[in-house]
C-alpha atoms as a PDB file:
ATOM      1  CA  UNK A   1      88.673 -30.593  -0.523  1.00  0.00           C
ATOM      2  CA  UNK A   2      89.643 -29.084   2.862  1.00  0.00           C
ATOM      3  CA  UNK A   3      93.124 -27.798   3.701  1.00  0.00           C
ATOM      4  CA  UNK A   4      94.150 -31.017   5.448  1.00  0.00           C
ATOM      5  CA  UNK A   5      93.222 -33.141   2.431  1.00  0.00           C
ATOM      6  CA  UNK A   6      94.949 -30.667   0.117  1.00  0.00           C
ATOM      7  CA  UNK A   7      98.190 -30.919   2.075  1.00  0.00           C
ATOM      8  CA  UNK A   8      98.097 -34.699   2.469  1.00  0.00           C
ATOM      9  CA  UNK A   9      97.359 -35.258  -1.224  1.00  0.00           C
ATOM     10  CA  UNK A  10      99.936 -32.799  -2.563  1.00  0.00           C
ATOM     11  CA  UNK A  11     102.531 -34.312  -4.903  1.00  0.00           C
ATOM     12  CA  UNK A  12     105.528 -32.840  -6.685  1.00  0.00           C
ATOM     13  CA  UNK A  13     104.363 -32.379 -10.275  1.00  0.00           C
ATOM     14  CA  UNK A  14     106.868 -32.521 -13.138  1.00  0.00           C
ATOM     15  CA  UNK A  15     104.584 -33.079 -16.103  1.00  0.00           C
ATOM     16  CA  UNK A  16     102.743 -29.860 -16.957  1.00  0.00           C
ATOM     17  CA  UNK A  17     100.314 -28.823 -19.670  1.00  0.00           C
ATOM     18  CA  UNK A  18     101.148 -25.615 -21.537  1.00  0.00           C
ATOM     19  CA  UNK A  19      97.960 -23.924 -20.292  1.00  0.00           C
ATOM     20  CA  UNK A  20      98.804 -20.440 -19.076  1.00  0.00           C
ATOM     21  CA  UNK A  21      98.067 -19.562 -15.463  1.00  0.00           C
ATOM     22  CA  UNK A  22      95.742 -16.565 -15.355  1.00  0.00           C
ATOM     23  CA  UNK A  23      97.056 -13.237 -14.094  1.00  0.00           C
ATOM     24  CA  UNK A  24      94.346 -13.219 -11.430  1.00  0.00           C
ATOM     25  CA  UNK A  25      95.524 -16.529  -9.968  1.00  0.00           C
ATOM     26  CA  UNK A  26      99.176 -15.447 -10.105  1.00  0.00           C
ATOM     27  CA  UNK A  27      98.268 -12.270  -8.214  1.00  0.00           C
ATOM     28  CA  UNK A  28      96.565 -14.336  -5.507  1.00  0.00           C
ATOM     29  CA  UNK A  29      99.543 -16.683  -5.236  1.00  0.00           C
ATOM     30  CA  UNK A  30     101.878 -13.739  -4.813  1.00  0.00           C
ATOM     31  CA  UNK A  31      99.612 -12.141  -2.223  1.00  0.00           C
ATOM     32  CA  UNK A  32      99.737 -15.405  -0.260  1.00  0.00           C
ATOM     33  CA  UNK A  33     103.536 -15.307  -0.439  1.00  0.00           C
ATOM     34  CA  UNK A  34     103.599 -11.691   0.671  1.00  0.00           C
ATOM     35  CA  UNK A  35     101.532 -12.550   3.751  1.00  0.00           C
ATOM     36  CA  UNK A  36     103.717 -15.472   4.860  1.00  0.00           C
ATOM     37  CA  UNK A  37     105.528 -15.327   8.213  1.00  0.00           C
ATOM     38  CA  UNK A  38     108.717 -13.264   8.217  1.00  0.00           C
ATOM     39  CA  UNK A  39     111.314 -12.892  10.963  1.00  0.00           C
ATOM     40  CA  UNK A  40     110.919  -9.391  12.387  1.00  0.00           C
ATOM     41  CA  UNK A  41     108.590  -8.757   9.445  1.00  0.00           C
ATOM     42  CA  UNK A  42     111.666  -7.497   7.555  1.00  0.00           C
ATOM     43  CA  UNK A  43     110.676  -9.486   4.427  1.00  0.00           C
ATOM     44  CA  UNK A  44     114.121  -9.877   2.819  1.00  0.00           C
ATOM     45  CA  UNK A  45     112.535 -11.700  -0.112  1.00  0.00           C
ATOM     46  CA  UNK A  46     112.275 -11.130  -3.842  1.00  0.00           C
ATOM     47  CA  UNK A  47     110.468 -13.415  -6.313  1.00  0.00           C
ATOM     48  CA  UNK A  48     111.458 -13.465  -9.983  1.00  0.00           C
ATOM     49  CA  UNK A  49     108.567 -14.583 -12.208  1.00  0.00           C
ATOM     50  CA  UNK A  50     109.822 -16.538 -15.212  1.00  0.00           C
ATOM     51  CA  UNK A  51     107.232 -16.959 -17.953  1.00  0.00           C
ATOM     52  CA  UNK A  52     109.231 -16.072 -21.072  1.00  0.00           C
ATOM     53  CA  UNK A  53     110.051 -19.266 -22.984  1.00  0.00           C
ATOM     54  CA  UNK A  54     113.679 -18.340 -23.646  1.00  0.00           C
ATOM     55  CA  UNK A  55     114.256 -17.498 -19.990  1.00  0.00           C
ATOM     56  CA  UNK A  56     112.548 -20.739 -18.936  1.00  0.00           C
ATOM     57  CA  UNK A  57     114.882 -22.687 -21.212  1.00  0.00           C
ATOM     58  CA  UNK A  58     117.939 -20.931 -19.804  1.00  0.00           C
ATOM     59  CA  UNK A  59     116.746 -21.572 -16.270  1.00  0.00           C
ATOM     60  CA  UNK A  60     116.174 -25.263 -17.036  1.00  0.00           C
ATOM     61  CA  UNK A  61     119.660 -25.509 -18.521  1.00  0.00           C
ATOM     62  CA  UNK A  62     121.513 -24.085 -15.521  1.00  0.00           C
ATOM     63  CA  UNK A  63     119.697 -26.333 -13.030  1.00  0.00           C
ATOM     64  CA  UNK A  64     120.737 -29.511 -14.824  1.00  0.00           C
ATOM     65  CA  UNK A  65     118.571 -29.533 -17.953  1.00  0.00           C
ATOM     66  CA  UNK A  66     115.422 -30.366 -15.986  1.00  0.00           C
ATOM     67  CA  UNK A  67     112.674 -30.445 -18.650  1.00  0.00           C
ATOM     68  CA  UNK A  68     109.822 -29.584 -16.267  1.00  0.00           C
ATOM     69  CA  UNK A  69     111.450 -26.220 -15.551  1.00  0.00           C
ATOM     70  CA  UNK A  70     111.347 -25.427 -19.266  1.00  0.00           C
ATOM     71  CA  UNK A  71     107.854 -26.884 -19.743  1.00  0.00           C
ATOM     72  CA  UNK A  72     106.119 -25.321 -16.750  1.00  0.00           C
ATOM     73  CA  UNK A  73     104.294 -22.146 -17.855  1.00  0.00           C
ATOM     74  CA  UNK A  74     105.607 -20.341 -14.777  1.00  0.00           C
ATOM     75  CA  UNK A  75     108.614 -20.673 -12.541  1.00  0.00           C
ATOM     76  CA  UNK A  76     109.265 -18.496  -9.523  1.00  0.00           C
ATOM     77  CA  UNK A  77     112.813 -17.908  -8.308  1.00  0.00           C
ATOM     78  CA  UNK A  78     112.876 -17.182  -4.577  1.00  0.00           C
ATOM     79  CA  UNK A  79     115.734 -14.935  -3.534  1.00  0.00           C
ATOM     80  CA  UNK A  80     117.105 -13.681  -0.264  1.00  0.00           C
ATOM     81  CA  UNK A  81     117.206  -9.933  -0.888  1.00  0.00           C
ATOM     82  CA  UNK A  82     119.436  -8.003   1.488  1.00  0.00           C
ATOM     83  CA  UNK A  83     120.056  -5.395  -1.231  1.00  0.00           C
ATOM     84  CA  UNK A  84     116.706  -3.710  -0.616  1.00  0.00           C
ATOM     85  CA  UNK A  85     117.034  -3.882   3.173  1.00  0.00           C
ATOM     86  CA  UNK A  86     120.546  -2.402   3.126  1.00  0.00           C
ATOM     87  CA  UNK A  87     119.366   0.408   0.847  1.00  0.00           C
ATOM     88  CA  UNK A  88     116.470   1.208   3.187  1.00  0.00           C
ATOM     89  CA  UNK A  89     118.745   1.241   6.232  1.00  0.00           C
ATOM     90  CA  UNK A  90     121.192   3.575   4.460  1.00  0.00           C
ATOM     91  CA  UNK A  91     118.429   5.980   3.485  1.00  0.00           C
ATOM     92  CA  UNK A  92     117.586   6.333   7.170  1.00  0.00           C
ATOM     93  CA  UNK A  93     121.169   6.741   8.354  1.00  0.00           C
ATOM     94  CA  UNK A  94     121.552   3.311   9.931  1.00  0.00           C
ATOM     95  CA  UNK A  95     123.235   0.064   8.948  1.00  0.00           C
ATOM     96  CA  UNK A  96     122.070  -3.444   8.108  1.00  0.00           C
ATOM     97  CA  UNK A  97     124.749  -6.142   7.894  1.00  0.00           C
ATOM     98  CA  UNK A  98     122.644  -9.162   7.025  1.00  0.00           C
ATOM     99  CA  UNK A  99     125.197 -10.268   4.436  1.00  0.00           C
ATOM    100  CA  UNK A 100     127.684 -10.736   7.304  1.00  0.00           C
ATOM    101  CA  UNK A 101     125.280 -12.410   9.747  1.00  0.00           C
ATOM    102  CA  UNK A 102     124.622 -16.121   9.414  1.00  0.00           C
ATOM    103  CA  UNK A 103     121.653 -15.704  11.777  1.00  0.00           C
ATOM    104  CA  UNK A 104     120.072 -13.144   9.438  1.00  0.00           C
ATOM    105  CA  UNK A 105     120.723 -15.536   6.546  1.00  0.00           C
ATOM    106  CA  UNK A 106     119.008 -18.483   8.275  1.00  0.00           C
ATOM    107  CA  UNK A 107     116.002 -16.362   9.243  1.00  0.00           C
ATOM    108  CA  UNK A 108     115.728 -15.033   5.686  1.00  0.00           C
ATOM    109  CA  UNK A 109     115.977 -18.544   4.233  1.00  0.00           C
ATOM    110  CA  UNK A 110     113.121 -19.628   6.487  1.00  0.00           C
ATOM    111  CA  UNK A 111     111.157 -16.623   5.202  1.00  0.00           C
ATOM    112  CA  UNK A 112     111.497 -17.634   1.555  1.00  0.00           C
ATOM    113  CA  UNK A 113     110.461 -21.223   2.287  1.00  0.00           C
ATOM    114  CA  UNK A 114     107.391 -20.042   4.226  1.00  0.00           C
ATOM    115  CA  UNK A 115     106.438 -17.801   1.297  1.00  0.00           C
ATOM    116  CA  UNK A 116     106.973 -20.567  -1.240  1.00  0.00           C
ATOM    117  CA  UNK A 117     104.943 -23.103   0.730  1.00  0.00           C
ATOM    118  CA  UNK A 118     102.054 -20.659   1.002  1.00  0.00           C
ATOM    119  CA  UNK A 119     102.049 -20.580  -2.790  1.00  0.00           C
ATOM    120  CA  UNK A 120     102.264 -24.379  -3.048  1.00  0.00           C
ATOM    121  CA  UNK A 121      99.163 -24.950  -0.919  1.00  0.00           C
ATOM    122  CA  UNK A 122      97.104 -22.184  -2.487  1.00  0.00           C
ATOM    123  CA  UNK A 123      98.119 -23.361  -5.967  1.00  0.00           C
ATOM    124  CA  UNK A 124      96.796 -26.833  -5.159  1.00  0.00           C
ATOM    125  CA  UNK A 125      93.395 -25.335  -4.346  1.00  0.00           C
ATOM    126  CA  UNK A 126      93.273 -23.874  -7.874  1.00  0.00           C
ATOM    127  CA  UNK A 127      94.066 -27.219  -9.487  1.00  0.00           C
ATOM    128  CA  UNK A 128      97.693 -26.311 -10.090  1.00  0.00           C
ATOM    129  CA  UNK A 129     100.705 -28.477  -9.367  1.00  0.00           C
ATOM    130  CA  UNK A 130     104.207 -27.469  -8.413  1.00  0.00           C
ATOM    131  CA  UNK A 131     107.698 -28.781  -7.819  1.00  0.00           C
ATOM    132  CA  UNK A 132     110.576 -27.344  -5.817  1.00  0.00           C
ATOM    133  CA  UNK A 133     113.943 -27.118  -7.580  1.00  0.00           C
ATOM    134  CA  UNK A 134     116.853 -26.723  -5.172  1.00  0.00           C
ATOM    135  CA  UNK A 135     119.734 -27.255  -7.602  1.00  0.00           C
ATOM    136  CA  UNK A 136     119.851 -23.544  -8.422  1.00  0.00           C
ATOM    137  CA  UNK A 137     122.302 -23.289  -5.510  1.00  0.00           C
ATOM    138  CA  UNK A 138     124.845 -24.974  -7.807  1.00  0.00           C
ATOM    139  CA  UNK A 139     124.380 -22.198 -10.385  1.00  0.00           C
ATOM    140  CA  UNK A 140     123.907 -19.032  -8.337  1.00  0.00           C
ATOM    141  CA  UNK A 141     126.349 -16.957 -10.397  1.00  0.00           C
ATOM    142  CA  UNK A 142     124.772 -18.037 -13.677  1.00  0.00           C
ATOM    143  CA  UNK A 143     121.280 -17.211 -12.389  1.00  0.00           C
ATOM    144  CA  UNK A 144     122.405 -13.818 -11.109  1.00  0.00           C
ATOM    145  CA  UNK A 145     123.685 -13.003 -14.594  1.00  0.00           C
ATOM    146  CA  UNK A 146     120.668 -14.252 -16.529  1.00  0.00           C
ATOM    147  CA  UNK A 147     118.140 -12.489 -14.294  1.00  0.00           C
ATOM    148  CA  UNK A 148     120.175  -9.303 -13.581  1.00  0.00           C
ATOM    149  CA  UNK A 149     120.293  -9.839  -9.831  1.00  0.00           C
ATOM    150  CA  UNK A 150     122.270  -7.138  -8.022  1.00  0.00           C
ATOM    151  CA  UNK A 151     124.756  -7.551  -5.189  1.00  0.00           C
ATOM    152  CA  UNK A 152     123.320  -9.038  -1.969  1.00  0.00           C
ATOM    153  CA  UNK A 153     120.516 -10.886  -3.820  1.00  0.00           C
ATOM    154  CA  UNK A 154     120.833 -14.688  -3.693  1.00  0.00           C
ATOM    155  CA  UNK A 155     118.595 -17.024  -5.760  1.00  0.00           C
ATOM    156  CA  UNK A 156     118.152 -20.106  -3.573  1.00  0.00           C
ATOM    157  CA  UNK A 157     114.949 -21.890  -4.596  1.00  0.00           C
ATOM    158  CA  UNK A 158     112.778 -22.360  -7.673  1.00  0.00           C
ATOM    159  CA  UNK A 159     109.109 -23.258  -7.674  1.00  0.00           C
ATOM    160  CA  UNK A 160     107.812 -24.429 -11.053  1.00  0.00           C
ATOM    161  CA  UNK A 161     104.026 -24.320 -11.449  1.00  0.00           C
ATOM    162  CA  UNK A 162     101.383 -25.350 -13.934  1.00  0.00           C
ATOM    163  CA  UNK A 163      98.348 -27.529 -14.555  1.00  0.00           C
ATOM    164  CA  UNK A 164      99.308 -31.207 -14.190  1.00  0.00           C
ATOM    165  CA  UNK A 165      99.243 -33.578 -17.133  1.00  0.00           C
ATOM    166  CA  UNK A 166      99.781 -36.444 -14.714  1.00  0.00           C
ATOM    167  CA  UNK A 167     100.227 -36.914 -10.982  1.00  0.00           C
ATOM    168  CA  UNK A 168     102.674 -39.416  -9.465  1.00  0.00           C
ATOM    169  CA  UNK A 169     101.777 -41.887  -6.777  1.00  0.00           C
ATOM    170  CA  UNK A 170     102.315 -40.960  -3.136  1.00  0.00           C
ATOM    171  CA  UNK A 171     106.004 -40.930  -2.294  1.00  0.00           C
ATOM    172  CA  UNK A 172     107.061 -43.036   0.717  1.00  0.00           C
ATOM    173  CA  UNK A 173     107.532 -41.162   3.983  1.00  0.00           C
ATOM    174  CA  UNK A 174     108.846 -42.057   7.410  1.00  0.00           C
ATOM    175  CA  UNK A 175     106.147 -42.943   9.890  1.00  0.00           C
ATOM    176  CA  UNK A 176     105.080 -39.997  11.994  1.00  0.00           C
ATOM    177  CA  UNK A 177     106.339 -41.499  15.251  1.00  0.00           C
ATOM    178  CA  UNK A 178     109.867 -41.519  13.801  1.00  0.00           C
ATOM    179  CA  UNK A 179     110.040 -37.754  13.382  1.00  0.00           C
ATOM    180  CA  UNK A 180     107.906 -36.667  16.373  1.00  0.00           C
ATOM    181  CA  UNK A 181     109.452 -36.511  19.855  1.00  0.00           C
ATOM    182  CA  UNK A 182     107.450 -35.874  23.035  1.00  0.00           C
ATOM    183  CA  UNK A 183     108.975 -33.271  25.354  1.00  0.00           C
ATOM    184  CA  UNK A 184     112.545 -34.346  24.638  1.00  0.00           C
ATOM    185  CA  UNK A 185     114.540 -35.987  21.866  1.00  0.00           C
ATOM    186  CA  UNK A 186     114.395 -39.781  21.718  1.00  0.00           C
ATOM    187  CA  UNK A 187     117.567 -41.232  20.213  1.00  0.00           C
ATOM    188  CA  UNK A 188     116.844 -44.372  18.221  1.00  0.00           C
ATOM    189  CA  UNK A 189     118.867 -47.576  18.275  1.00  0.00           C
ATOM    190  CA  UNK A 190     120.517 -48.839  15.094  1.00  0.00           C
ATOM    191  CA  UNK A 191     117.790 -51.436  14.800  1.00  0.00           C
ATOM    192  CA  UNK A 192     115.041 -48.816  15.159  1.00  0.00           C
ATOM    193  CA  UNK A 193     116.648 -46.552  12.555  1.00  0.00           C
ATOM    194  CA  UNK A 194     117.090 -49.410  10.098  1.00  0.00           C
ATOM    195  CA  UNK A 195     113.482 -50.516  10.555  1.00  0.00           C
ATOM    196  CA  UNK A 196     112.210 -46.934  10.132  1.00  0.00           C
ATOM    197  CA  UNK A 197     113.870 -46.563   6.744  1.00  0.00           C
ATOM    198  CA  UNK A 198     113.069 -50.132   5.693  1.00  0.00           C
ATOM    199  CA  UNK A 199     109.416 -49.374   6.439  1.00  0.00           C
ATOM    200  CA  UNK A 200     109.676 -46.216   4.349  1.00  0.00           C
ATOM    201  CA  UNK A 201     111.357 -47.602   1.233  1.00  0.00           C
ATOM    202  CA  UNK A 202     110.519 -51.289   1.425  1.00  0.00           C
ATOM    203  CA  UNK A 203     112.707 -53.918  -0.173  1.00  0.00           C
ATOM    204  CA  UNK A 204     115.501 -52.523  -2.342  1.00  0.00           C
ATOM    205  CA  UNK A 205     114.637 -55.058  -5.010  1.00  0.00           C
ATOM    206  CA  UNK A 206     116.335 -55.842  -8.281  1.00  0.00           C
ATOM    207  CA  UNK A 207     114.343 -53.756 -10.771  1.00  0.00           C
ATOM    208  CA  UNK A 208     115.782 -50.212 -10.927  1.00  0.00           C
ATOM    209  CA  UNK A 209     112.771 -48.789 -12.724  1.00  0.00           C
ATOM    210  CA  UNK A 210     110.412 -50.000 -10.000  1.00  0.00           C
ATOM    211  CA  UNK A 211     112.756 -48.633  -7.363  1.00  0.00           C
ATOM    212  CA  UNK A 212     112.920 -45.237  -9.067  1.00  0.00           C
ATOM    213  CA  UNK A 213     109.146 -44.906  -8.656  1.00  0.00           C
ATOM    214  CA  UNK A 214     109.606 -44.520  -4.913  1.00  0.00           C
ATOM    215  CA  UNK A 215     113.106 -43.039  -4.643  1.00  0.00           C
ATOM    216  CA  UNK A 216     114.075 -41.250  -7.877  1.00  0.00           C
ATOM    217  CA  UNK A 217     110.907 -40.257  -9.703  1.00  0.00           C
ATOM    218  CA  UNK A 218     112.806 -37.505 -11.551  1.00  0.00           C
ATOM    219  CA  UNK A 219     114.546 -39.969 -13.865  1.00  0.00           C
ATOM    220  CA  UNK A 220     111.231 -41.529 -14.884  1.00  0.00           C
ATOM    221  CA  UNK A 221     109.716 -38.105 -15.556  1.00  0.00           C
ATOM    222  CA  UNK A 222     112.792 -37.057 -17.545  1.00  0.00           C
ATOM    223  CA  UNK A 223     112.510 -40.221 -19.615  1.00  0.00           C
ATOM    224  CA  UNK A 224     108.852 -39.451 -20.387  1.00  0.00           C
ATOM    225  CA  UNK A 225     109.836 -35.927 -21.438  1.00  0.00           C
ATOM    226  CA  UNK A 226     112.532 -36.807 -23.932  1.00  0.00           C
ATOM    227  CA  UNK A 227     115.650 -37.997 -22.099  1.00  0.00           C
ATOM    228  CA  UNK A 228     115.473 -41.584 -23.292  1.00  0.00           C
ATOM    229  CA  UNK A 229     118.851 -42.634 -21.904  1.00  0.00           C
ATOM    230  CA  UNK A 230     118.562 -41.398 -18.338  1.00  0.00           C
ATOM    231  CA  UNK A 231     117.001 -44.489 -16.752  1.00  0.00           C
ATOM    232  CA  UNK A 232     119.554 -46.755 -18.417  1.00  0.00           C
ATOM    233  CA  UNK A 233     122.389 -44.468 -17.316  1.00  0.00           C
ATOM    234  CA  UNK A 234     121.164 -44.377 -13.716  1.00  0.00           C
ATOM    235  CA  UNK A 235     120.730 -48.158 -13.692  1.00  0.00           C
ATOM    236  CA  UNK A 236     124.215 -48.664 -15.093  1.00  0.00           C
ATOM    237  CA  UNK A 237     125.712 -46.352 -12.498  1.00  0.00           C
ATOM    238  CA  UNK A 238     123.974 -48.317  -9.739  1.00  0.00           C
ATOM    239  CA  UNK A 239     125.686 -51.473 -10.993  1.00  0.00           C
ATOM    240  CA  UNK A 240     129.058 -49.743 -11.319  1.00  0.00           C
ATOM    241  CA  UNK A 241     128.880 -48.414  -7.755  1.00  0.00           C
ATOM    242  CA  UNK A 242     127.695 -51.800  -6.482  1.00  0.00           C
ATOM    243  CA  UNK A 243     124.717 -50.205  -4.744  1.00  0.00           C
ATOM    244  CA  UNK A 244     122.947 -52.755  -2.586  1.00  0.00           C
ATOM    245  CA  UNK A 245     120.579 -50.770  -0.344  1.00  0.00           C
ATOM    246  CA  UNK A 246     118.564 -47.572  -0.045  1.00  0.00           C
ATOM    247  CA  UNK A 247     121.154 -45.600   1.922  1.00  0.00           C
ATOM    248  CA  UNK A 248     123.902 -46.399  -0.578  1.00  0.00           C
ATOM    249  CA  UNK A 249     121.621 -45.311  -3.398  1.00  0.00           C
ATOM    250  CA  UNK A 250     121.026 -41.913  -1.808  1.00  0.00           C
ATOM    251  CA  UNK A 251     124.540 -41.175  -0.600  1.00  0.00           C
ATOM    252  CA  UNK A 252     126.651 -42.832  -3.293  1.00  0.00           C
ATOM    253  CA  UNK A 253     124.563 -42.028  -6.394  1.00  0.00           C
ATOM    254  CA  UNK A 254     121.858 -39.412  -5.901  1.00  0.00           C
ATOM    255  CA  UNK A 255     123.611 -37.188  -3.354  1.00  0.00           C
ATOM    256  CA  UNK A 256     127.204 -38.513  -3.258  1.00  0.00           C
ATOM    257  CA  UNK A 257     128.621 -37.577   0.139  1.00  0.00           C
ATOM    258  CA  UNK A 258     132.014 -36.299  -1.087  1.00  0.00           C
ATOM    259  CA  UNK A 259     130.468 -34.423  -4.003  1.00  0.00           C
ATOM    260  CA  UNK A 260     127.987 -32.668  -1.717  1.00  0.00           C
ATOM    261  CA  UNK A 261     130.819 -31.559   0.587  1.00  0.00           C
ATOM    262  CA  UNK A 262     132.881 -30.410  -2.405  1.00  0.00           C
ATOM    263  CA  UNK A 263     129.921 -28.316  -3.535  1.00  0.00           C
ATOM    264  CA  UNK A 264     130.565 -26.061  -0.536  1.00  0.00           C
ATOM    265  CA  UNK A 265     133.404 -24.400  -2.430  1.00  0.00           C
ATOM    266  CA  UNK A 266     131.183 -23.419  -5.359  1.00  0.00           C
ATOM    267  CA  UNK A 267     128.329 -22.221  -3.145  1.00  0.00           C
ATOM    268  CA  UNK A 268     130.584 -20.172  -0.857  1.00  0.00           C
ATOM    269  CA  UNK A 269     132.323 -18.615  -3.868  1.00  0.00           C
ATOM    270  CA  UNK A 270     128.922 -17.627  -5.288  1.00  0.00           C
ATOM    271  CA  UNK A 271     127.900 -16.164  -1.930  1.00  0.00           C
ATOM    272  CA  UNK A 272     131.127 -14.169  -1.852  1.00  0.00           C
ATOM    273  CA  UNK A 273     130.534 -12.872  -5.386  1.00  0.00           C
ATOM    274  CA  UNK A 274     127.135 -11.605  -4.224  1.00  0.00           C
ATOM    275  CA  UNK A 275     128.731  -9.781  -1.281  1.00  0.00           C
ATOM    276  CA  UNK A 276     128.071 -12.308   1.503  1.00  0.00           C
ATOM    277  CA  UNK A 277     130.791 -13.021   4.086  1.00  0.00           C
ATOM    278  CA  UNK A 278     130.014 -15.018   7.251  1.00  0.00           C
ATOM    279  CA  UNK A 279     133.633 -15.422   8.340  1.00  0.00           C
END
């Protein structure tokens, strides 16, 4: 399979076998990460490899008891690491203030995503699957404690990897002409926006389980891996919130707008605890 086919056929995998990933393959994945683009080639990135079963269980617990994090033979925690850069600058009698610069933070965050995606694509070529876990941002302080992360090191993304037991169907995406703009931004009408998302998700329908296949595959995977009540709970919450369309599902149930804004307080407090101050 060529690179294009690999990228087009990639899926987020949440059902892993317990087959260990060989050290040789892990070394190649890490070398791919190390050769990813980096702003100024500063490389303010550290990757914590989590293979120990107890550590995997703790990691799964703090990100919302996601069973695939515990079951994957390897998880990688991607961290912005200004600790190492600050130490290097100090050694050479200069100063790095990345923890006070939002621009440095954004560039560093782009670095860790580039590194992670390099791993994702290379992993696919070895028959591995992977899934990104972003909810670690809700538990930064807990992760820093469990994995002994020093000041100025922020864990912001997890990549769980392993050999797939099963592969989900293709998830719906917006059509390419919706996200691509030629020479300048084209602002869509309400009708165009509605049609774009209707084309993506299709009819909302009345069967929650069928809907979850295209909009909330995590609950179906969690059900298969031991959380028998989660589909029923999600379905009941949909009824309670009187959710009648795709947008309401996303922004009233899956990512509730007020809850996501409220999360700012927890994230900013965790940043502050790690020594970051963008004020």
